[in-house]
Amino acid sequence: MVLGGLIVVMLLGLVGCGGDGDDEVLGASKKNADLIVDDKEPFYEPGKNLEIALNREVTFNVFNDGEKVHNITIPGFEVDMDVAPNQSIDIKLPAISAAPRDGFYLFYCKFHQSEGEAGRINISR
């Protein structure tokens, strides 16, 4: 009887795990992302703009919620990073002391820029 009870408890524990645990890890990455990219327009959530402040180093997280490989290219910071499906990357930008003339930097996906996958990093003062 004790053995039967242990088996039931173990089975309930396995059902509660809900698989191999990847969904939980990926969900946390998506949940904590500053920018989520997808395969369809609009490509970015929460929008096409990110904000950074002067004189502050910043790291932002990008999560790929699509089925294609995407990329974040930021020419003003010499960033060119791919992000695989269901993966996230951290992009670290150094502190800048002056905003560019237009007040923003452009970023885009080198694979899908012609489809409109681009955005701006606005510099707040």
PDB file of N, CA and C in Angstrom:
ATOM      1  N   MET A   1       0.826  -1.182   0.000  1.00  0.00           N
ATOM      2  CA  MET A   1       0.000   0.000   0.000  1.00  0.00           C
ATOM      3  C   MET A   1       0.882   1.261   0.000  1.00  0.00           C
ATOM      4  N   VAL A   2       1.951   1.251   0.785  1.00  0.00           N
ATOM      5  CA  VAL A   2       2.858   2.389   0.817  1.00  0.00           C
ATOM      6  C   VAL A   2       3.505   2.567  -0.551  1.00  0.00           C
ATOM      7  N   LEU A   3       3.905   1.432  -1.150  1.00  0.00           N
ATOM      8  CA  LEU A   3       4.513   1.495  -2.474  1.00  0.00           C
ATOM      9  C   LEU A   3       3.531   2.063  -3.499  1.00  0.00           C
ATOM     10  N   GLY A   4       2.269   1.675  -3.424  1.00  0.00           N
ATOM     11  CA  GLY A   4       1.243   2.196  -4.329  1.00  0.00           C
ATOM     12  C   GLY A   4       1.072   3.696  -4.155  1.00  0.00           C
ATOM     13  N   GLY A   5       1.094   4.159  -2.914  1.00  0.00           N
ATOM     14  CA  GLY A   5       0.971   5.596  -2.632  1.00  0.00           C
ATOM     15  C   GLY A   5       2.158   6.370  -3.194  1.00  0.00           C
ATOM     16  N   LEU A   6       3.374   5.813  -3.081  1.00  0.00           N
ATOM     17  CA  LEU A   6       4.558   6.480  -3.625  1.00  0.00           C
ATOM     18  C   LEU A   6       4.485   6.581  -5.141  1.00  0.00           C
ATOM     19  N   ILE A   7       3.999   5.530  -5.779  1.00  0.00           N
ATOM     20  CA  ILE A   7       3.886   5.549  -7.236  1.00  0.00           C
ATOM     21  C   ILE A   7       2.901   6.637  -7.674  1.00  0.00           C
ATOM     22  N   VAL A   8       1.770   6.754  -6.981  1.00  0.00           N
ATOM     23  CA  VAL A   8       0.782   7.789  -7.321  1.00  0.00           C
ATOM     24  C   VAL A   8       1.383   9.173  -7.147  1.00  0.00           C
ATOM     25  N   VAL A   9       2.099   9.389  -6.042  1.00  0.00           N
ATOM     26  CA  VAL A   9       2.724  10.688  -5.795  1.00  0.00           C
ATOM     27  C   VAL A   9       3.747  10.998  -6.881  1.00  0.00           C
ATOM     28  N   MET A  10       4.551  10.010  -7.279  1.00  0.00           N
ATOM     29  CA  MET A  10       5.550  10.231  -8.317  1.00  0.00           C
ATOM     30  C   MET A  10       4.887  10.547  -9.658  1.00  0.00           C
ATOM     31  N   LEU A  11       3.813   9.848  -9.997  1.00  0.00           N
ATOM     32  CA  LEU A  11       3.114  10.106 -11.253  1.00  0.00           C
ATOM     33  C   LEU A  11       2.502  11.506 -11.264  1.00  0.00           C
ATOM     34  N   LEU A  12       1.904  11.899 -10.156  1.00  0.00           N
ATOM     35  CA  LEU A  12       1.332  13.244 -10.072  1.00  0.00           C
ATOM     36  C   LEU A  12       2.429  14.296 -10.208  1.00  0.00           C
ATOM     37  N   GLY A  13       3.573  14.034  -9.634  1.00  0.00           N
ATOM     38  CA  GLY A  13       4.693  14.964  -9.742  1.00  0.00           C
ATOM     39  C   GLY A  13       5.166  15.100 -11.175  1.00  0.00           C
ATOM     40  N   LEU A  14       5.217  13.986 -11.905  1.00  0.00           N
ATOM     41  CA  LEU A  14       5.643  14.039 -13.301  1.00  0.00           C
ATOM     42  C   LEU A  14       4.630  14.776 -14.165  1.00  0.00           C
ATOM     43  N   VAL A  15       3.331  14.570 -13.921  1.00  0.00           N
ATOM     44  CA  VAL A  15       2.305  15.278 -14.669  1.00  0.00           C
ATOM     45  C   VAL A  15       2.419  16.774 -14.398  1.00  0.00           C
ATOM     46  N   GLY A  16       2.703  17.155 -13.164  1.00  0.00           N
ATOM     47  CA  GLY A  16       2.833  18.562 -12.799  1.00  0.00           C
ATOM     48  C   GLY A  16       4.032  19.234 -13.440  1.00  0.00           C
ATOM     49  N   CYS A  17       5.045  18.454 -13.842  1.00  0.00           N
ATOM     50  CA  CYS A  17       6.226  19.044 -14.468  1.00  0.00           C
ATOM     51  C   CYS A  17       5.904  19.607 -15.837  1.00  0.00           C
ATOM     52  N   GLY A  18       4.963  18.999 -16.552  1.00  0.00           N
ATOM     53  CA  GLY A  18       4.524  19.541 -17.830  1.00  0.00           C
ATOM     54  C   GLY A  18       5.536  19.443 -18.947  1.00  0.00           C
ATOM     55  N   GLY A  19       6.333  18.427 -18.990  1.00  0.00           N
ATOM     56  CA  GLY A  19       7.236  18.241 -20.123  1.00  0.00           C
ATOM     57  C   GLY A  19       8.678  18.396 -19.722  1.00  0.00           C
ATOM     58  N   ASP A  20       9.481  18.849 -20.682  1.00  0.00           N
ATOM     59  CA  ASP A  20      10.920  18.886 -20.467  1.00  0.00           C
ATOM     60  C   ASP A  20      11.410  20.190 -19.847  1.00  0.00           C
ATOM     61  N   GLY A  21      10.529  21.132 -19.579  1.00  0.00           N
ATOM     62  CA  GLY A  21      10.918  22.367 -18.901  1.00  0.00           C
ATOM     63  C   GLY A  21      11.352  23.474 -19.836  1.00  0.00           C
ATOM     64  N   ASP A  22      11.508  23.199 -21.144  1.00  0.00           N
ATOM     65  CA  ASP A  22      11.937  24.241 -22.076  1.00  0.00           C
ATOM     66  C   ASP A  22      10.931  25.377 -22.166  1.00  0.00           C
ATOM     67  N   ASP A  23       9.636  25.062 -22.125  1.00  0.00           N
ATOM     68  CA  ASP A  23       8.622  26.108 -22.225  1.00  0.00           C
ATOM     69  C   ASP A  23       8.755  27.108 -21.102  1.00  0.00           C
ATOM     70  N   GLU A  24       9.048  26.624 -19.909  1.00  0.00           N
ATOM     71  CA  GLU A  24       9.183  27.527 -18.773  1.00  0.00           C
ATOM     72  C   GLU A  24      10.380  28.451 -18.970  1.00  0.00           C
ATOM     73  N   VAL A  25      11.490  27.901 -19.419  1.00  0.00           N
ATOM     74  CA  VAL A  25      12.680  28.714 -19.651  1.00  0.00           C
ATOM     75  C   VAL A  25      12.413  29.716 -20.765  1.00  0.00           C
ATOM     76  N   LEU A  26      11.813  29.256 -21.880  1.00  0.00           N
ATOM     77  CA  LEU A  26      11.541  30.152 -22.995  1.00  0.00           C
ATOM     78  C   LEU A  26      10.517  31.194 -22.612  1.00  0.00           C
ATOM     79  N   GLY A  27       9.497  30.798 -21.854  1.00  0.00           N
ATOM     80  CA  GLY A  27       8.485  31.752 -21.408  1.00  0.00           C
ATOM     81  C   GLY A  27       9.113  32.856 -20.590  1.00  0.00           C
ATOM     82  N   ALA A  28      10.068  32.510 -19.735  1.00  0.00           N
ATOM     83  CA  ALA A  28      10.741  33.510 -18.918  1.00  0.00           C
ATOM     84  C   ALA A  28      11.541  34.444 -19.811  1.00  0.00           C
ATOM     85  N   SER A  29      12.191  33.923 -20.839  1.00  0.00           N
ATOM     86  CA  SER A  29      12.959  34.761 -21.751  1.00  0.00           C
ATOM     87  C   SER A  29      12.045  35.718 -22.498  1.00  0.00           C
ATOM     88  N   LYS A  30      10.924  35.220 -22.977  1.00  0.00           N
ATOM     89  CA  LYS A  30       9.972  36.063 -23.692  1.00  0.00           C
ATOM     90  C   LYS A  30       9.362  37.086 -22.747  1.00  0.00           C
ATOM     91  N   LYS A  31       9.034  36.655 -21.555  1.00  0.00           N
ATOM     92  CA  LYS A  31       8.402  37.544 -20.577  1.00  0.00           C
ATOM     93  C   LYS A  31       9.329  38.695 -20.198  1.00  0.00           C
ATOM     94  N   ASN A  32      10.614  38.446 -20.106  1.00  0.00           N
ATOM     95  CA  ASN A  32      11.573  39.460 -19.678  1.00  0.00           C
ATOM     96  C   ASN A  32      12.199  40.242 -20.829  1.00  0.00           C
ATOM     97  N   ALA A  33      11.776  39.958 -22.051  1.00  0.00           N
ATOM     98  CA  ALA A  33      12.384  40.604 -23.212  1.00  0.00           C
ATOM     99  C   ALA A  33      12.000  42.077 -23.306  1.00  0.00           C
ATOM    100  N   ASP A  34      12.961  42.889 -23.711  1.00  0.00           N
ATOM    101  CA  ASP A  34      12.694  44.302 -23.986  1.00  0.00           C
ATOM    102  C   ASP A  34      12.120  44.473 -25.381  1.00  0.00           C
ATOM    103  N   LEU A  35      12.451  43.532 -26.262  1.00  0.00           N
ATOM    104  CA  LEU A  35      11.994  43.589 -27.646  1.00  0.00           C
ATOM    105  C   LEU A  35      11.714  42.157 -28.092  1.00  0.00           C
ATOM    106  N   ILE A  36      10.525  41.929 -28.630  1.00  0.00           N
ATOM    107  CA  ILE A  36      10.150  40.611 -29.143  1.00  0.00           C
ATOM    108  C   ILE A  36      10.008  40.738 -30.649  1.00  0.00           C
ATOM    109  N   VAL A  37      10.672  39.863 -31.380  1.00  0.00           N
ATOM    110  CA  VAL A  37      10.611  39.878 -32.839  1.00  0.00           C
ATOM    111  C   VAL A  37       9.812  38.670 -33.305  1.00  0.00           C
ATOM    112  N   ASP A  38       9.039  38.859 -34.381  1.00  0.00           N
ATOM    113  CA  ASP A  38       8.191  37.814 -34.937  1.00  0.00           C
ATOM    114  C   ASP A  38       8.407  37.784 -36.448  1.00  0.00           C
ATOM    115  N   ASP A  39       7.795  36.822 -37.119  1.00  0.00           N
ATOM    116  CA  ASP A  39       7.969  36.663 -38.561  1.00  0.00           C
ATOM    117  C   ASP A  39       7.028  37.522 -39.396  1.00  0.00           C
ATOM    118  N   LYS A  40       6.076  38.174 -38.786  1.00  0.00           N
ATOM    119  CA  LYS A  40       5.092  38.935 -39.560  1.00  0.00           C
ATOM    120  C   LYS A  40       5.006  40.379 -39.069  1.00  0.00           C
ATOM    121  N   GLU A  41       4.502  41.248 -39.914  1.00  0.00           N
ATOM    122  CA  GLU A  41       4.341  42.672 -39.590  1.00  0.00           C
ATOM    123  C   GLU A  41       3.213  42.836 -38.579  1.00  0.00           C
ATOM    124  N   PRO A  42       3.334  43.607 -37.520  1.00  0.00           N
ATOM    125  CA  PRO A  42       4.557  44.303 -37.141  1.00  0.00           C
ATOM    126  C   PRO A  42       5.577  43.316 -36.588  1.00  0.00           C
ATOM    127  N   PHE A  43       6.815  43.496 -36.957  1.00  0.00           N
ATOM    128  CA  PHE A  43       7.861  42.562 -36.567  1.00  0.00           C
ATOM    129  C   PHE A  43       8.210  42.652 -35.086  1.00  0.00           C
ATOM    130  N   TYR A  44       8.095  43.851 -34.522  1.00  0.00           N
ATOM    131  CA  TYR A  44       8.562  44.066 -33.154  1.00  0.00           C
ATOM    132  C   TYR A  44       7.420  44.374 -32.200  1.00  0.00           C
ATOM    133  N   GLU A  45       7.534  43.846 -31.007  1.00  0.00           N
ATOM    134  CA  GLU A  45       6.668  44.230 -29.895  1.00  0.00           C
ATOM    135  C   GLU A  45       7.588  44.668 -28.774  1.00  0.00           C
ATOM    136  N   PRO A  46       7.325  45.642 -27.990  1.00  0.00           N
ATOM    137  CA  PRO A  46       6.069  46.389 -27.927  1.00  0.00           C
ATOM    138  C   PRO A  46       5.933  47.444 -29.004  1.00  0.00           C
ATOM    139  N   GLY A  47       6.929  47.717 -29.772  1.00  0.00           N
ATOM    140  CA  GLY A  47       6.851  48.703 -30.853  1.00  0.00           C
ATOM    141  C   GLY A  47       8.174  48.756 -31.570  1.00  0.00           C
ATOM    142  N   LYS A  48       8.324  49.704 -32.446  1.00  0.00           N
ATOM    143  CA  LYS A  48       9.556  49.798 -33.225  1.00  0.00           C
ATOM    144  C   LYS A  48      10.582  50.708 -32.581  1.00  0.00           C
ATOM    145  N   ASN A  49      10.326  51.205 -31.381  1.00  0.00           N
ATOM    146  CA  ASN A  49      11.247  52.137 -30.743  1.00  0.00           C
ATOM    147  C   ASN A  49      11.712  51.638 -29.388  1.00  0.00           C
ATOM    148  N   LEU A  50      12.988  51.811 -29.126  1.00  0.00           N
ATOM    149  CA  LEU A  50      13.568  51.567 -27.811  1.00  0.00           C
ATOM    150  C   LEU A  50      14.067  52.911 -27.293  1.00  0.00           C
ATOM    151  N   GLU A  51      14.180  53.053 -25.994  1.00  0.00           N
ATOM    152  CA  GLU A  51      14.658  54.300 -25.391  1.00  0.00           C
ATOM    153  C   GLU A  51      15.905  54.008 -24.561  1.00  0.00           C
ATOM    154  N   ILE A  52      16.920  54.856 -24.721  1.00  0.00           N
ATOM    155  CA  ILE A  52      18.087  54.788 -23.843  1.00  0.00           C
ATOM    156  C   ILE A  52      18.446  56.203 -23.409  1.00  0.00           C
ATOM    157  N   ALA A  53      19.079  56.296 -22.267  1.00  0.00           N
ATOM    158  CA  ALA A  53      19.469  57.597 -21.720  1.00  0.00           C
ATOM    159  C   ALA A  53      20.939  57.873 -21.996  1.00  0.00           C
ATOM    160  N   LEU A  54      21.267  59.157 -22.059  1.00  0.00           N
ATOM    161  CA  LEU A  54      22.666  59.554 -22.196  1.00  0.00           C
ATOM    162  C   LEU A  54      23.457  59.136 -20.960  1.00  0.00           C
ATOM    163  N   ASN A  55      24.734  58.893 -21.158  1.00  0.00           N
ATOM    164  CA  ASN A  55      25.683  58.592 -20.083  1.00  0.00           C
ATOM    165  C   ASN A  55      25.331  57.353 -19.268  1.00  0.00           C
ATOM    166  N   ARG A  56      24.604  56.425 -19.870  1.00  0.00           N
ATOM    167  CA  ARG A  56      24.266  55.179 -19.182  1.00  0.00           C
ATOM    168  C   ARG A  56      24.494  53.997 -20.113  1.00  0.00           C
ATOM    169  N   GLU A  57      25.258  53.037 -19.627  1.00  0.00           N
ATOM    170  CA  GLU A  57      25.405  51.784 -20.356  1.00  0.00           C
ATOM    171  C   GLU A  57      24.080  51.049 -20.226  1.00  0.00           C
ATOM    172  N   VAL A  58      23.651  50.393 -21.287  1.00  0.00           N
ATOM    173  CA  VAL A  58      22.365  49.705 -21.250  1.00  0.00           C
ATOM    174  C   VAL A  58      22.480  48.338 -21.909  1.00  0.00           C
ATOM    175  N   THR A  59      21.756  47.379 -21.354  1.00  0.00           N
ATOM    176  CA  THR A  59      21.640  46.057 -21.954  1.00  0.00           C
ATOM    177  C   THR A  59      20.162  45.784 -22.174  1.00  0.00           C
ATOM    178  N   PHE A  60      19.815  45.385 -23.380  1.00  0.00           N
ATOM    179  CA  PHE A  60      18.425  45.000 -23.607  1.00  0.00           C
ATOM    180  C   PHE A  60      18.378  43.608 -24.208  1.00  0.00           C
ATOM    181  N   ASN A  61      17.260  42.933 -23.926  1.00  0.00           N
ATOM    182  CA  ASN A  61      17.070  41.546 -24.325  1.00  0.00           C
ATOM    183  C   ASN A  61      16.123  41.485 -25.515  1.00  0.00           C
ATOM    184  N   VAL A  62      16.492  40.686 -26.515  1.00  0.00           N
ATOM    185  CA  VAL A  62      15.666  40.480 -27.700  1.00  0.00           C
ATOM    186  C   VAL A  62      15.286  39.005 -27.749  1.00  0.00           C
ATOM    187  N   PHE A  63      13.983  38.730 -27.865  1.00  0.00           N
ATOM    188  CA  PHE A  63      13.488  37.356 -27.964  1.00  0.00           C
ATOM    189  C   PHE A  63      12.881  37.130 -29.339  1.00  0.00           C
ATOM    190  N   ASN A  64      13.229  36.023 -29.988  1.00  0.00           N
ATOM    191  CA  ASN A  64      12.685  35.667 -31.293  1.00  0.00           C
ATOM    192  C   ASN A  64      11.497  34.739 -31.100  1.00  0.00           C
ATOM    193  N   ASP A  65      10.297  35.263 -31.313  1.00  0.00           N
ATOM    194  CA  ASP A  65       9.065  34.499 -31.161  1.00  0.00           C
ATOM    195  C   ASP A  65       8.599  33.924 -32.497  1.00  0.00           C
ATOM    196  N   GLY A  66       9.459  33.985 -33.510  1.00  0.00           N
ATOM    197  CA  GLY A  66       9.099  33.488 -34.830  1.00  0.00           C
ATOM    198  C   GLY A  66       9.726  32.137 -35.116  1.00  0.00           C
ATOM    199  N   GLU A  67       9.612  31.729 -36.373  1.00  0.00           N
ATOM    200  CA  GLU A  67      10.178  30.455 -36.815  1.00  0.00           C
ATOM    201  C   GLU A  67      11.410  30.649 -37.698  1.00  0.00           C
ATOM    202  N   LYS A  68      11.719  31.906 -38.035  1.00  0.00           N
ATOM    203  CA  LYS A  68      12.887  32.214 -38.858  1.00  0.00           C
ATOM    204  C   LYS A  68      13.974  32.829 -37.980  1.00  0.00           C
ATOM    205  N   VAL A  69      15.208  32.748 -38.453  1.00  0.00           N
ATOM    206  CA  VAL A  69      16.307  33.447 -37.789  1.00  0.00           C
ATOM    207  C   VAL A  69      16.139  34.933 -38.080  1.00  0.00           C
ATOM    208  N   HIS A  70      16.296  35.754 -37.062  1.00  0.00           N
ATOM    209  CA  HIS A  70      16.251  37.204 -37.220  1.00  0.00           C
ATOM    210  C   HIS A  70      17.595  37.771 -36.774  1.00  0.00           C
ATOM    211  N   ASN A  71      17.758  39.052 -36.953  1.00  0.00           N
ATOM    212  CA  ASN A  71      19.034  39.700 -36.691  1.00  0.00           C
ATOM    213  C   ASN A  71      18.772  41.090 -36.144  1.00  0.00           C
ATOM    214  N   ILE A  72      19.667  41.556 -35.303  1.00  0.00           N
ATOM    215  CA  ILE A  72      19.637  42.945 -34.855  1.00  0.00           C
ATOM    216  C   ILE A  72      20.968  43.561 -35.281  1.00  0.00           C
ATOM    217  N   THR A  73      20.884  44.527 -36.176  1.00  0.00           N
ATOM    218  CA  THR A  73      22.045  45.275 -36.620  1.00  0.00           C
ATOM    219  C   THR A  73      21.844  46.721 -36.199  1.00  0.00           C
ATOM    220  N   ILE A  74      22.833  47.270 -35.488  1.00  0.00           N
ATOM    221  CA  ILE A  74      22.805  48.669 -35.068  1.00  0.00           C
ATOM    222  C   ILE A  74      24.119  49.286 -35.534  1.00  0.00           C
ATOM    223  N   PRO A  75      24.124  49.899 -36.722  1.00  0.00           N
ATOM    224  CA  PRO A  75      25.375  50.422 -37.270  1.00  0.00           C
ATOM    225  C   PRO A  75      26.075  51.429 -36.359  1.00  0.00           C
ATOM    226  N   GLY A  76      25.337  52.261 -35.666  1.00  0.00           N
ATOM    227  CA  GLY A  76      25.943  53.267 -34.798  1.00  0.00           C
ATOM    228  C   GLY A  76      26.715  52.680 -33.632  1.00  0.00           C
ATOM    229  N   PHE A  77      26.469  51.419 -33.307  1.00  0.00           N
ATOM    230  CA  PHE A  77      27.157  50.743 -32.206  1.00  0.00           C
ATOM    231  C   PHE A  77      27.939  49.519 -32.674  1.00  0.00           C
ATOM    232  N   GLU A  78      28.011  49.315 -33.984  1.00  0.00           N
ATOM    233  CA  GLU A  78      28.700  48.160 -34.552  1.00  0.00           C
ATOM    234  C   GLU A  78      28.176  46.835 -34.001  1.00  0.00           C
ATOM    235  N   VAL A  79      26.852  46.736 -33.876  1.00  0.00           N
ATOM    236  CA  VAL A  79      26.193  45.518 -33.414  1.00  0.00           C
ATOM    237  C   VAL A  79      25.635  44.794 -34.629  1.00  0.00           C
ATOM    238  N   ASP A  80      25.858  43.492 -34.698  1.00  0.00           N
ATOM    239  CA  ASP A  80      25.323  42.631 -35.752  1.00  0.00           C
ATOM    240  C   ASP A  80      25.180  41.243 -35.130  1.00  0.00           C
ATOM    241  N   MET A  81      23.983  40.958 -34.593  1.00  0.00           N
ATOM    242  CA  MET A  81      23.770  39.701 -33.866  1.00  0.00           C
ATOM    243  C   MET A  81      22.526  38.990 -34.387  1.00  0.00           C
ATOM    244  N   ASP A  82      22.658  37.677 -34.609  1.00  0.00           N
ATOM    245  CA  ASP A  82      21.527  36.852 -35.012  1.00  0.00           C
ATOM    246  C   ASP A  82      20.840  36.295 -33.774  1.00  0.00           C
ATOM    247  N   VAL A  83      19.530  36.085 -33.901  1.00  0.00           N
ATOM    248  CA  VAL A  83      18.771  35.456 -32.818  1.00  0.00           C
ATOM    249  C   VAL A  83      17.921  34.348 -33.444  1.00  0.00           C
ATOM    250  N   ALA A  84      18.164  33.120 -32.998  1.00  0.00           N
ATOM    251  CA  ALA A  84      17.483  31.936 -33.533  1.00  0.00           C
ATOM    252  C   ALA A  84      16.051  31.859 -33.003  1.00  0.00           C
ATOM    253  N   PRO A  85      15.194  31.104 -33.676  1.00  0.00           N
ATOM    254  CA  PRO A  85      13.823  30.936 -33.201  1.00  0.00           C
ATOM    255  C   PRO A  85      13.782  30.417 -31.761  1.00  0.00           C
ATOM    256  N   ASN A  86      12.857  30.977 -30.980  1.00  0.00           N
ATOM    257  CA  ASN A  86      12.653  30.607 -29.578  1.00  0.00           C
ATOM    258  C   ASN A  86      13.892  30.816 -28.715  1.00  0.00           C
ATOM    259  N   GLN A  87      14.747  31.737 -29.113  1.00  0.00           N
ATOM    260  CA  GLN A  87      15.940  32.065 -28.341  1.00  0.00           C
ATOM    261  C   GLN A  87      15.945  33.561 -28.048  1.00  0.00           C
ATOM    262  N   SER A  88      16.773  33.945 -27.095  1.00  0.00           N
ATOM    263  CA  SER A  88      16.933  35.363 -26.810  1.00  0.00           C
ATOM    264  C   SER A  88      18.414  35.703 -26.762  1.00  0.00           C
ATOM    265  N   ILE A  89      18.704  36.981 -26.994  1.00  0.00           N
ATOM    266  CA  ILE A  89      20.074  37.478 -26.923  1.00  0.00           C
ATOM    267  C   ILE A  89      20.068  38.764 -26.098  1.00  0.00           C
ATOM    268  N   ASP A  90      21.170  39.044 -25.470  1.00  0.00           N
ATOM    269  CA  ASP A  90      21.360  40.311 -24.771  1.00  0.00           C
ATOM    270  C   ASP A  90      22.272  41.182 -25.609  1.00  0.00           C
ATOM    271  N   ILE A  91      21.861  42.418 -25.796  1.00  0.00           N
ATOM    272  CA  ILE A  91      22.663  43.378 -26.540  1.00  0.00           C
ATOM    273  C   ILE A  91      23.082  44.474 -25.574  1.00  0.00           C
ATOM    274  N   LYS A  92      24.395  44.635 -25.418  1.00  0.00           N
ATOM    275  CA  LYS A  92      24.941  45.621 -24.492  1.00  0.00           C
ATOM    276  C   LYS A  92      25.449  46.816 -25.287  1.00  0.00           C
ATOM    277  N   LEU A  93      24.912  47.981 -24.952  1.00  0.00           N
ATOM    278  CA  LEU A  93      25.339  49.214 -25.607  1.00  0.00           C
ATOM    279  C   LEU A  93      26.116  50.059 -24.609  1.00  0.00           C
ATOM    280  N   PRO A  94      27.244  50.610 -25.037  1.00  0.00           N
ATOM    281  CA  PRO A  94      28.038  51.447 -24.129  1.00  0.00           C
ATOM    282  C   PRO A  94      27.340  52.784 -23.871  1.00  0.00           C
ATOM    283  N   ALA A  95      27.735  53.437 -22.811  1.00  0.00           N
ATOM    284  CA  ALA A  95      27.213  54.771 -22.511  1.00  0.00           C
ATOM    285  C   ALA A  95      27.676  55.739 -23.593  1.00  0.00           C
ATOM    286  N   ILE A  96      26.789  56.622 -23.988  1.00  0.00           N
ATOM    287  CA  ILE A  96      27.157  57.663 -24.940  1.00  0.00           C
ATOM    288  C   ILE A  96      26.918  59.015 -24.279  1.00  0.00           C
ATOM    289  N   SER A  97      27.776  59.974 -24.567  1.00  0.00           N
ATOM    290  CA  SER A  97      27.666  61.276 -23.908  1.00  0.00           C
ATOM    291  C   SER A  97      26.907  62.299 -24.745  1.00  0.00           C
ATOM    292  N   ALA A  98      26.695  62.003 -26.023  1.00  0.00           N
ATOM    293  CA  ALA A  98      25.959  62.925 -26.884  1.00  0.00           C
ATOM    294  C   ALA A  98      25.098  62.133 -27.858  1.00  0.00           C
ATOM    295  N   ALA A  99      23.896  62.606 -28.065  1.00  0.00           N
ATOM    296  CA  ALA A  99      22.997  61.954 -29.014  1.00  0.00           C
ATOM    297  C   ALA A  99      23.420  62.292 -30.437  1.00  0.00           C
ATOM    298  N   PRO A 100      23.146  61.425 -31.386  1.00  0.00           N
ATOM    299  CA  PRO A 100      23.412  61.772 -32.776  1.00  0.00           C
ATOM    300  C   PRO A 100      22.529  62.958 -33.184  1.00  0.00           C
ATOM    301  N   ARG A 101      22.856  63.578 -34.282  1.00  0.00           N
ATOM    302  CA  ARG A 101      22.149  64.779 -34.725  1.00  0.00           C
ATOM    303  C   ARG A 101      20.625  64.598 -34.744  1.00  0.00           C
ATOM    304  N   ASP A 102      20.150  63.448 -35.215  1.00  0.00           N
ATOM    305  CA  ASP A 102      18.708  63.201 -35.304  1.00  0.00           C
ATOM    306  C   ASP A 102      18.090  62.762 -33.974  1.00  0.00           C
ATOM    307  N   GLY A 103      18.921  62.463 -32.974  1.00  0.00           N
ATOM    308  CA  GLY A 103      18.408  62.045 -31.667  1.00  0.00           C
ATOM    309  C   GLY A 103      18.073  60.569 -31.562  1.00  0.00           C
ATOM    310  N   PHE A 104      18.470  59.780 -32.552  1.00  0.00           N
ATOM    311  CA  PHE A 104      18.181  58.341 -32.500  1.00  0.00           C
ATOM    312  C   PHE A 104      19.189  57.574 -33.346  1.00  0.00           C
ATOM    313  N   TYR A 105      19.256  56.268 -33.081  1.00  0.00           N
ATOM    314  CA  TYR A 105      20.022  55.325 -33.896  1.00  0.00           C
ATOM    315  C   TYR A 105      19.022  54.372 -34.540  1.00  0.00           C
ATOM    316  N   LEU A 106      19.295  53.943 -35.742  1.00  0.00           N
ATOM    317  CA  LEU A 106      18.454  52.952 -36.407  1.00  0.00           C
ATOM    318  C   LEU A 106      18.940  51.551 -36.059  1.00  0.00           C
ATOM    319  N   PHE A 107      18.009  50.606 -36.003  1.00  0.00           N
ATOM    320  CA  PHE A 107      18.361  49.191 -35.935  1.00  0.00           C
ATOM    321  C   PHE A 107      17.472  48.457 -36.926  1.00  0.00           C
ATOM    322  N   TYR A 108      17.945  47.300 -37.395  1.00  0.00           N
ATOM    323  CA  TYR A 108      17.188  46.540 -38.379  1.00  0.00           C
ATOM    324  C   TYR A 108      17.648  45.089 -38.378  1.00  0.00           C
ATOM    325  N   CYS A 109      16.864  44.262 -39.062  1.00  0.00           N
ATOM    326  CA  CYS A 109      17.228  42.863 -39.308  1.00  0.00           C
ATOM    327  C   CYS A 109      17.855  42.808 -40.696  1.00  0.00           C
ATOM    328  N   LYS A 110      19.092  42.359 -40.781  1.00  0.00           N
ATOM    329  CA  LYS A 110      19.760  42.328 -42.089  1.00  0.00           C
ATOM    330  C   LYS A 110      19.102  41.337 -43.049  1.00  0.00           C
ATOM    331  N   PHE A 111      18.321  40.389 -42.527  1.00  0.00           N
ATOM    332  CA  PHE A 111      17.641  39.420 -43.372  1.00  0.00           C
ATOM    333  C   PHE A 111      16.299  39.938 -43.886  1.00  0.00           C
ATOM    334  N   HIS A 112      15.650  40.817 -43.122  1.00  0.00           N
ATOM    335  CA  HIS A 112      14.283  41.224 -43.447  1.00  0.00           C
ATOM    336  C   HIS A 112      14.082  42.740 -43.467  1.00  0.00           C
ATOM    337  N   GLN A 113      15.144  43.497 -43.579  1.00  0.00           N
ATOM    338  CA  GLN A 113      15.015  44.958 -43.598  1.00  0.00           C
ATOM    339  C   GLN A 113      14.147  45.416 -44.768  1.00  0.00           C
ATOM    340  N   SER A 114      14.267  44.769 -45.920  1.00  0.00           N
ATOM    341  CA  SER A 114      13.481  45.160 -47.098  1.00  0.00           C
ATOM    342  C   SER A 114      11.988  44.913 -46.905  1.00  0.00           C
ATOM    343  N   GLU A 115      11.636  44.085 -45.899  1.00  0.00           N
ATOM    344  CA  GLU A 115      10.237  43.826 -45.586  1.00  0.00           C
ATOM    345  C   GLU A 115       9.727  44.770 -44.492  1.00  0.00           C
ATOM    346  N   GLY A 116      10.581  45.671 -44.042  1.00  0.00           N
ATOM    347  CA  GLY A 116      10.159  46.645 -43.039  1.00  0.00           C
ATOM    348  C   GLY A 116      10.590  46.332 -41.626  1.00  0.00           C
ATOM    349  N   GLU A 117      11.447  45.348 -41.453  1.00  0.00           N
ATOM    350  CA  GLU A 117      11.889  44.995 -40.102  1.00  0.00           C
ATOM    351  C   GLU A 117      13.013  45.942 -39.680  1.00  0.00           C
ATOM    352  N   ALA A 118      12.606  47.071 -39.123  1.00  0.00           N
ATOM    353  CA  ALA A 118      13.540  48.102 -38.692  1.00  0.00           C
ATOM    354  C   ALA A 118      12.903  48.902 -37.561  1.00  0.00           C
ATOM    355  N   GLY A 119      13.729  49.585 -36.798  1.00  0.00           N
ATOM    356  CA  GLY A 119      13.224  50.402 -35.705  1.00  0.00           C
ATOM    357  C   GLY A 119      14.232  51.462 -35.310  1.00  0.00           C
ATOM    358  N   ARG A 120      13.934  52.157 -34.205  1.00  0.00           N
ATOM    359  CA  ARG A 120      14.795  53.246 -33.748  1.00  0.00           C
ATOM    360  C   ARG A 120      15.113  53.077 -32.270  1.00  0.00           C
ATOM    361  N   ILE A 121      16.295  53.520 -31.911  1.00  0.00           N
ATOM    362  CA  ILE A 121      16.684  53.642 -30.508  1.00  0.00           C
ATOM    363  C   ILE A 121      16.738  55.132 -30.227  1.00  0.00           C
ATOM    364  N   ASN A 122      15.743  55.635 -29.539  1.00  0.00           N
ATOM    365  CA  ASN A 122      15.669  57.047 -29.217  1.00  0.00           C
ATOM    366  C   ASN A 122      16.546  57.344 -28.009  1.00  0.00           C
ATOM    367  N   ILE A 123      17.211  58.492 -28.054  1.00  0.00           N
ATOM    368  CA  ILE A 123      18.088  58.899 -26.966  1.00  0.00           C
ATOM    369  C   ILE A 123      17.353  59.949 -26.145  1.00  0.00           C
ATOM    370  N   SER A 124      17.094  59.604 -24.885  1.00  0.00           N
ATOM    371  CA  SER A 124      16.429  60.576 -24.003  1.00  0.00           C
ATOM    372  C   SER A 124      17.502  61.377 -23.273  1.00  0.00           C
ATOM    373  N   ARG A 125      17.195  62.607 -22.980  1.00  0.00           N
ATOM    374  CA  ARG A 125      18.178  63.492 -22.356  1.00  0.00           C
ATOM    375  C   ARG A 125      17.931  63.639 -20.887  1.00  0.00           C
TER     376      ARG A 125
END
